[in-house]
C-alpha atoms as a PDB file:
ATOM      1  CA  UNK A   1      12.105   3.757 -11.686  1.00  0.00           C
ATOM      2  CA  UNK A   2      11.471   0.369 -13.266  1.00  0.00           C
ATOM      3  CA  UNK A   3       9.214  -0.728 -10.416  1.00  0.00           C
ATOM      4  CA  UNK A   4       7.065   2.405 -10.740  1.00  0.00           C
ATOM      5  CA  UNK A   5       6.731   1.760 -14.474  1.00  0.00           C
ATOM      6  CA  UNK A   6       5.705  -1.833 -13.835  1.00  0.00           C
ATOM      7  CA  UNK A   7       3.196  -0.703 -11.208  1.00  0.00           C
ATOM      8  CA  UNK A   8       1.626   1.780 -13.623  1.00  0.00           C
ATOM      9  CA  UNK A   9       1.531  -0.859 -16.368  1.00  0.00           C
ATOM     10  CA  UNK A  10      -0.144  -3.353 -14.021  1.00  0.00           C
ATOM     11  CA  UNK A  11      -2.735  -0.834 -12.824  1.00  0.00           C
ATOM     12  CA  UNK A  12      -3.604   0.087 -16.422  1.00  0.00           C
ATOM     13  CA  UNK A  13      -3.962  -3.566 -17.445  1.00  0.00           C
ATOM     14  CA  UNK A  14      -6.049  -4.544 -14.417  1.00  0.00           C
ATOM     15  CA  UNK A  15      -8.214  -1.424 -14.777  1.00  0.00           C
ATOM     16  CA  UNK A  16      -8.896  -2.275 -18.413  1.00  0.00           C
ATOM     17  CA  UNK A  17      -9.819  -5.828 -17.431  1.00  0.00           C
ATOM     18  CA  UNK A  18     -12.124  -4.520 -14.706  1.00  0.00           C
ATOM     19  CA  UNK A  19     -13.998  -2.208 -17.060  1.00  0.00           C
ATOM     20  CA  UNK A  20     -14.282  -4.972 -19.672  1.00  0.00           C
ATOM     21  CA  UNK A  21     -15.779  -7.130 -16.882  1.00  0.00           C
ATOM     22  CA  UNK A  22     -13.117  -9.799 -17.354  1.00  0.00           C
ATOM     23  CA  UNK A  23     -12.370 -10.189 -13.642  1.00  0.00           C
ATOM     24  CA  UNK A  24     -14.417 -12.267 -11.238  1.00  0.00           C
ATOM     25  CA  UNK A  25     -15.296  -9.265  -9.054  1.00  0.00           C
ATOM     26  CA  UNK A  26     -16.313  -6.956 -11.907  1.00  0.00           C
ATOM     27  CA  UNK A  27     -18.483  -9.644 -13.438  1.00  0.00           C
ATOM     28  CA  UNK A  28     -20.371 -10.024 -10.133  1.00  0.00           C
ATOM     29  CA  UNK A  29     -20.704  -6.326  -9.191  1.00  0.00           C
ATOM     30  CA  UNK A  30     -20.566  -3.009 -11.035  1.00  0.00           C
ATOM     31  CA  UNK A  31     -17.109  -2.371 -12.543  1.00  0.00           C
ATOM     32  CA  UNK A  32     -16.847   0.988 -10.764  1.00  0.00           C
ATOM     33  CA  UNK A  33     -17.143  -0.775  -7.407  1.00  0.00           C
ATOM     34  CA  UNK A  34     -14.456  -3.240  -8.434  1.00  0.00           C
ATOM     35  CA  UNK A  35     -12.235  -0.327  -9.500  1.00  0.00           C
ATOM     36  CA  UNK A  36     -12.675   1.375  -6.114  1.00  0.00           C
ATOM     37  CA  UNK A  37     -11.986  -1.923  -4.338  1.00  0.00           C
ATOM     38  CA  UNK A  38      -8.747  -2.311  -6.310  1.00  0.00           C
ATOM     39  CA  UNK A  39      -7.554   1.160  -5.307  1.00  0.00           C
ATOM     40  CA  UNK A  40      -8.509   0.647  -1.657  1.00  0.00           C
ATOM     41  CA  UNK A  41      -6.565  -2.617  -1.652  1.00  0.00           C
ATOM     42  CA  UNK A  42      -3.519  -0.936  -3.236  1.00  0.00           C
ATOM     43  CA  UNK A  43      -3.578   1.909  -0.711  1.00  0.00           C
ATOM     44  CA  UNK A  44      -3.986  -0.474   2.221  1.00  0.00           C
ATOM     45  CA  UNK A  45      -1.191  -2.711   0.949  1.00  0.00           C
ATOM     46  CA  UNK A  46       1.163   0.241   0.541  1.00  0.00           C
ATOM     47  CA  UNK A  47       0.511   1.310   4.142  1.00  0.00           C
ATOM     48  CA  UNK A  48       1.115  -2.221   5.437  1.00  0.00           C
ATOM     49  CA  UNK A  49       4.332  -2.558   3.426  1.00  0.00           C
ATOM     50  CA  UNK A  50       5.555   0.841   4.631  1.00  0.00           C
ATOM     51  CA  UNK A  51       4.870  -0.088   8.235  1.00  0.00           C
ATOM     52  CA  UNK A  52       6.692  -3.381   7.862  1.00  0.00           C
ATOM     53  CA  UNK A  53       9.688  -1.668   6.264  1.00  0.00           C
ATOM     54  CA  UNK A  54       9.903   0.855   9.081  1.00  0.00           C
ATOM     55  CA  UNK A  55       9.669  -1.848  11.745  1.00  0.00           C
ATOM     56  CA  UNK A  56      12.540  -3.697  10.099  1.00  0.00           C
ATOM     57  CA  UNK A  57      14.667  -0.655   9.245  1.00  0.00           C
ATOM     58  CA  UNK A  58      14.309   1.541  12.324  1.00  0.00           C
ATOM     59  CA  UNK A  59      15.587  -0.654  15.203  1.00  0.00           C
ATOM     60  CA  UNK A  60      19.266   0.271  14.719  1.00  0.00           C
ATOM     61  CA  UNK A  61      18.385   4.002  14.665  1.00  0.00           C
ATOM     62  CA  UNK A  62      18.258   5.869  17.971  1.00  0.00           C
ATOM     63  CA  UNK A  63      14.581   6.530  18.715  1.00  0.00           C
ATOM     64  CA  UNK A  64      15.289   9.962  20.156  1.00  0.00           C
ATOM     65  CA  UNK A  65      16.313  11.171  16.680  1.00  0.00           C
ATOM     66  CA  UNK A  66      12.748  10.922  15.356  1.00  0.00           C
ATOM     67  CA  UNK A  67      10.746  11.297  18.569  1.00  0.00           C
ATOM     68  CA  UNK A  68       9.733  14.910  17.825  1.00  0.00           C
ATOM     69  CA  UNK A  69       9.467  14.760  14.029  1.00  0.00           C
ATOM     70  CA  UNK A  70       7.669  11.390  13.713  1.00  0.00           C
ATOM     71  CA  UNK A  71       5.716  10.741  16.935  1.00  0.00           C
ATOM     72  CA  UNK A  72       3.575   7.912  15.498  1.00  0.00           C
ATOM     73  CA  UNK A  73       6.635   6.007  14.287  1.00  0.00           C
ATOM     74  CA  UNK A  74       8.242   6.571  17.688  1.00  0.00           C
ATOM     75  CA  UNK A  75       5.220   5.142  19.542  1.00  0.00           C
ATOM     76  CA  UNK A  76       4.969   2.111  17.241  1.00  0.00           C
ATOM     77  CA  UNK A  77       8.696   1.334  17.528  1.00  0.00           C
ATOM     78  CA  UNK A  78       8.633   1.849  21.294  1.00  0.00           C
ATOM     79  CA  UNK A  79       5.820  -0.652  21.583  1.00  0.00           C
ATOM     80  CA  UNK A  80       7.225  -3.246  19.176  1.00  0.00           C
ATOM     81  CA  UNK A  81      10.913  -3.167  20.079  1.00  0.00           C
END
């Protein structure tokens, strides 16, 4: 709960800085492009972090338990472990 609050606070602060053109990217390009770039980076980072967490957390779990329900996770874990 605290981490979600801190994430929202950070996004609001950085968004305000972007639209005030107080970041290096928003001062070089249009602030809307910098805003989109920030959200694309956040989405990409969340996918990378989720993948890393699953690669670390799933090895002790029997792969057959999630073979049918999560086929992509099964293929990734089969390849990496």
